[in-house]
Protein backbone atom coordinates (compact mmCIF):
# COMPACT_ATOMS: atom_id res chain seq x y z
CA MET A 1 -45.98 10.66 15.75
CA SER A 2 -49.28 8.75 15.46
CA LEU A 3 -49.32 4.99 15.97
CA PRO A 4 -50.18 2.75 12.99
CA VAL A 5 -53.82 1.73 12.80
CA ASP A 6 -54.59 -1.72 14.21
CA TYR A 7 -56.99 -2.74 11.45
CA ALA A 8 -57.67 -6.14 13.02
CA SER A 9 -59.34 -4.42 15.97
CA LEU A 10 -61.72 -2.30 13.88
CA PRO A 11 -65.36 -3.21 13.13
CA ALA A 12 -66.24 -3.99 9.52
CA ARG A 13 -67.93 -0.63 8.98
CA GLU A 14 -64.77 1.21 10.02
CA LEU A 15 -62.57 -1.12 7.97
CA GLU A 16 -64.52 -0.15 4.87
CA ARG A 17 -63.58 3.49 5.42
CA HIS A 18 -59.86 2.62 5.42
CA ALA A 19 -59.95 -0.01 2.68
CA ARG A 20 -58.30 0.20 -0.72
CA ASN A 21 -60.98 -0.47 -3.34
CA ILE A 22 -60.30 -2.98 -6.13
CA GLN A 23 -62.09 -2.36 -9.43
CA PRO A 24 -63.18 -5.05 -11.94
CA GLY A 25 -60.10 -6.50 -13.62
CA GLY A 26 -57.85 -5.40 -10.75
CA TRP A 27 -55.85 -7.10 -8.02
CA ALA A 28 -53.73 -6.03 -5.04
CA VAL A 29 -51.45 -7.47 -2.38
CA GLU A 30 -51.05 -5.90 1.06
CA SER A 31 -49.64 -6.79 4.46
CA ARG A 32 -51.68 -4.25 6.47
CA LEU A 33 -54.17 -2.13 4.53
CA PRO A 34 -57.68 -3.64 4.18
CA LEU A 35 -58.87 -4.40 0.66
CA SER A 36 -62.44 -4.15 -0.58
CA THR A 37 -64.44 -4.78 -3.72
CA LEU A 38 -68.06 -4.70 -4.88
CA LEU A 39 -69.19 -7.79 -6.80
CA GLY A 40 -72.04 -8.69 -9.08
CA SER A 41 -71.44 -11.53 -11.52
CA CYS A 42 -67.67 -11.13 -11.13
CA VAL A 43 -65.70 -13.23 -8.63
CA ALA A 44 -63.08 -12.15 -6.12
CA VAL A 45 -60.52 -14.61 -4.74
CA CYS A 46 -58.55 -13.81 -1.59
CA LEU A 47 -55.21 -15.57 -1.08
CA PHE A 48 -53.49 -15.49 2.31
CA ASP A 49 -50.18 -16.76 3.71
CA PRO A 50 -50.72 -17.18 7.48
CA HIS A 51 -46.99 -17.49 8.18
CA LEU A 52 -46.04 -14.18 6.57
CA GLN A 53 -49.40 -12.58 7.39
CA ILE A 54 -49.74 -11.21 3.89
CA GLY A 55 -52.59 -11.54 1.43
CA GLY A 56 -54.25 -10.23 -1.67
CA ILE A 57 -57.47 -10.10 -3.64
CA ASN A 58 -58.46 -10.00 -7.31
CA HIS A 59 -61.71 -9.18 -9.12
CA PHE A 60 -62.35 -10.90 -12.44
CA MET A 61 -64.89 -11.99 -15.02
CA LEU A 62 -64.34 -14.50 -17.78
CA PRO A 63 -64.94 -13.05 -21.25
CA ASP A 64 -67.93 -14.05 -23.35
CA MET A 65 -67.01 -17.47 -24.77
CA GLY A 66 -68.75 -16.61 -28.04
CA ARG A 67 -66.95 -13.37 -28.74
CA SER A 68 -64.36 -14.89 -31.06
CA ARG A 69 -63.23 -18.18 -32.54
CA HIS A 70 -60.56 -18.11 -29.82
CA GLY A 71 -63.19 -17.88 -27.07
CA ASP A 72 -62.02 -20.88 -25.06
CA ILE A 73 -58.40 -19.69 -25.21
CA ASP A 74 -59.38 -16.12 -24.32
CA SER A 75 -61.33 -17.41 -21.33
CA LEU A 76 -58.40 -19.46 -20.08
CA LEU A 77 -55.95 -16.60 -20.56
CA SER A 78 -58.23 -14.11 -18.81
CA GLY A 79 -59.01 -16.32 -15.83
CA ASN A 80 -55.49 -17.62 -15.49
CA PHE A 81 -54.09 -14.09 -15.74
CA ALA A 82 -56.28 -12.88 -12.88
CA MET A 83 -55.23 -15.77 -10.65
CA GLU A 84 -51.59 -15.99 -11.71
CA ALA A 85 -51.08 -12.22 -11.28
CA LEU A 86 -52.29 -12.43 -7.69
CA LEU A 87 -50.36 -15.63 -6.95
CA ASN A 88 -47.11 -14.35 -8.47
CA ALA A 89 -47.37 -11.04 -6.60
CA LEU A 90 -47.65 -12.93 -3.32
CA LEU A 91 -44.78 -15.29 -4.18
CA GLY A 92 -42.71 -12.24 -5.14
CA GLN A 93 -43.11 -10.94 -1.59
CA GLY A 94 -42.00 -14.19 -0.01
CA ALA A 95 -45.24 -16.15 0.32
CA ARG A 96 -45.05 -19.91 -0.17
CA LYS A 97 -47.61 -21.69 -2.30
CA PRO A 98 -48.01 -24.71 0.07
CA ARG A 99 -49.02 -22.31 2.86
CA LEU A 100 -51.62 -20.37 0.90
CA GLN A 101 -55.31 -20.44 1.78
CA ALA A 102 -58.14 -19.11 -0.39
CA LYS A 103 -61.55 -17.55 0.06
CA ALA A 104 -63.86 -16.82 -2.86
CA PHE A 105 -66.90 -14.61 -3.32
CA GLY A 106 -69.32 -13.42 -5.98
CA GLY A 107 -70.82 -14.92 -9.10
CA GLY A 108 -74.23 -13.43 -8.37
CA THR A 109 -77.10 -13.02 -10.82
CA ILE A 110 -77.99 -9.34 -10.78
CA ILE A 111 -77.86 -8.08 -14.36
CA ASP A 112 -79.38 -9.33 -17.60
CA THR A 113 -77.01 -10.01 -20.45
CA GLU A 114 -77.20 -11.60 -23.87
CA ALA A 115 -75.23 -14.57 -22.58
CA GLY A 116 -77.76 -15.18 -19.80
CA ALA A 117 -77.50 -13.59 -16.40
CA SER A 118 -76.99 -16.80 -14.43
CA SER A 119 -74.41 -18.38 -16.73
CA ILE A 120 -71.83 -15.62 -16.28
CA GLY A 121 -71.60 -15.91 -12.51
CA LEU A 122 -71.72 -19.69 -12.70
CA ARG A 123 -68.76 -19.82 -15.10
CA ASN A 124 -66.75 -17.34 -13.03
CA ALA A 125 -67.36 -19.26 -9.79
CA GLY A 126 -66.66 -22.60 -11.43
CA PHE A 127 -63.40 -21.39 -12.91
CA ALA A 128 -62.17 -20.04 -9.56
CA LYS A 129 -62.86 -23.33 -7.78
CA GLU A 130 -61.30 -25.39 -10.58
CA TRP A 131 -58.17 -23.21 -10.66
CA LEU A 132 -57.65 -23.46 -6.91
CA GLN A 133 -58.15 -27.23 -6.98
CA ARG A 134 -55.70 -27.58 -9.86
CA GLU A 135 -53.09 -25.52 -8.02
CA GLY A 136 -53.59 -27.37 -4.74
CA ILE A 137 -54.65 -24.26 -2.81
CA PRO A 138 -57.41 -25.07 -0.28
CA LEU A 139 -60.63 -23.06 -0.50
CA VAL A 140 -61.33 -22.56 3.19
CA SER A 141 -64.55 -20.57 2.74
CA ALA A 142 -66.73 -19.25 -0.06
CA ASP A 143 -69.93 -17.35 -0.71
CA LEU A 144 -70.80 -17.83 -4.38
CA LEU A 145 -73.81 -17.58 -6.72
CA GLY A 146 -77.33 -16.56 -5.76
CA PRO A 147 -79.34 -13.39 -6.54
CA TRP A 148 -77.12 -11.01 -4.56
CA SER A 149 -74.47 -8.42 -5.13
CA ARG A 150 -71.77 -8.53 -2.49
CA LYS A 151 -69.46 -6.15 -0.68
CA VAL A 152 -66.24 -7.93 0.33
CA LEU A 153 -63.73 -6.65 2.87
CA PHE A 154 -60.45 -8.54 3.23
CA LEU A 155 -57.89 -8.06 6.00
CA PRO A 156 -54.53 -9.27 4.61
CA CYS A 157 -52.75 -9.25 7.99
CA ASN A 158 -54.86 -12.12 9.35
CA GLY A 159 -56.80 -13.49 6.36
CA GLN A 160 -60.18 -12.48 7.77
CA ALA A 161 -62.85 -11.67 5.19
CA PHE A 162 -66.24 -10.04 5.61
CA CYS A 163 -68.91 -10.58 2.97
CA LYS A 164 -72.12 -8.57 2.99
CA ARG A 165 -74.87 -9.90 0.74
CA MET A 166 -77.02 -7.13 -0.66
CA VAL A 167 -80.48 -7.35 -2.15
CA THR A 168 -79.53 -5.23 -5.09
CA SER A 169 -81.23 -1.86 -5.30
CA MET A 170 -81.68 -0.17 -8.65
CA ALA A 171 -78.92 2.30 -7.79
CA THR A 172 -76.42 -0.39 -6.75
CA ALA A 173 -77.33 -2.57 -9.72
CA ASP A 174 -76.73 0.36 -12.05
CA VAL A 175 -73.26 1.01 -10.61
CA ILE A 176 -72.28 -2.68 -10.74
CA ALA A 177 -73.77 -3.19 -14.20
CA ARG A 178 -71.96 -0.14 -15.58
CA GLU A 179 -68.59 -1.25 -14.15
CA GLU A 180 -68.99 -4.89 -15.19
CA ARG A 181 -70.19 -4.04 -18.69
CA ALA A 182 -67.24 -1.68 -19.19
CA TYR A 183 -64.91 -4.41 -17.97
CA ALA A 184 -66.61 -7.04 -20.18
CA GLU A 185 -66.31 -4.71 -23.16
CA SER A 186 -62.59 -4.27 -22.52
CA LEU A 187 -62.25 -8.07 -22.62
CA ARG A 188 -64.15 -8.21 -25.91
CA ARG A 189 -61.87 -5.59 -27.44
CA ALA A 190 -58.71 -7.47 -26.50
CA PRO A 191 -57.14 -8.73 -29.74
CA ALA A 192 -57.20 -12.46 -30.37
CA SER A 193 -54.25 -13.55 -32.50
CA ASP A 194 -53.60 -16.91 -34.12
CA ASP A 195 -50.29 -17.36 -32.34
CA LYS A 196 -51.49 -17.30 -28.73
CA LYS A 197 -49.52 -19.73 -26.65
CA ILE A 198 -50.66 -21.11 -23.31
CA GLU A 199 -48.04 -22.35 -20.90
CA LEU A 200 -49.45 -24.23 -17.93
CA PHE A 201 -47.16 -25.19 -15.09
């Protein structure tokens, strides 16, 4: 019987080969398996409980504020959902909120949009920092904004994160733009009803 892989001892390049990839709009919690994601204007937040040695990552973009008369509510629901889903998944596996630490990445300016390329990443990064501050979760490191796409590798067993800034090639930009536009379009299609209720706690 083969021994389990000691991911903490592997170099970043090898970790990437083993990592579970997280797509835009997704999130995951693991205790061993590395997690990875490719970011443009989206943001990824890693949460880690050092006592349990468990962590998770999400990948989110706020919807276009102008897409409906409920734009501000939609934005709050979308951003809060991405963060609350990750937080609740960790708490469900025994993590404690006072022990959690955060790392955040992304918010780059790599694609042109009607809303303005820089404003999307700026809003995503700002929301992530505001949410963490509101919840009392310390942001121990971050690499946000700028003209780069980023490849993020997160090791949930020890909270270590690797962030590779990439001067975006046409091929990479096309992949990121296609994924982020599809994700943004799915947010635009989400129905906005008059009876949305927001419960903050």
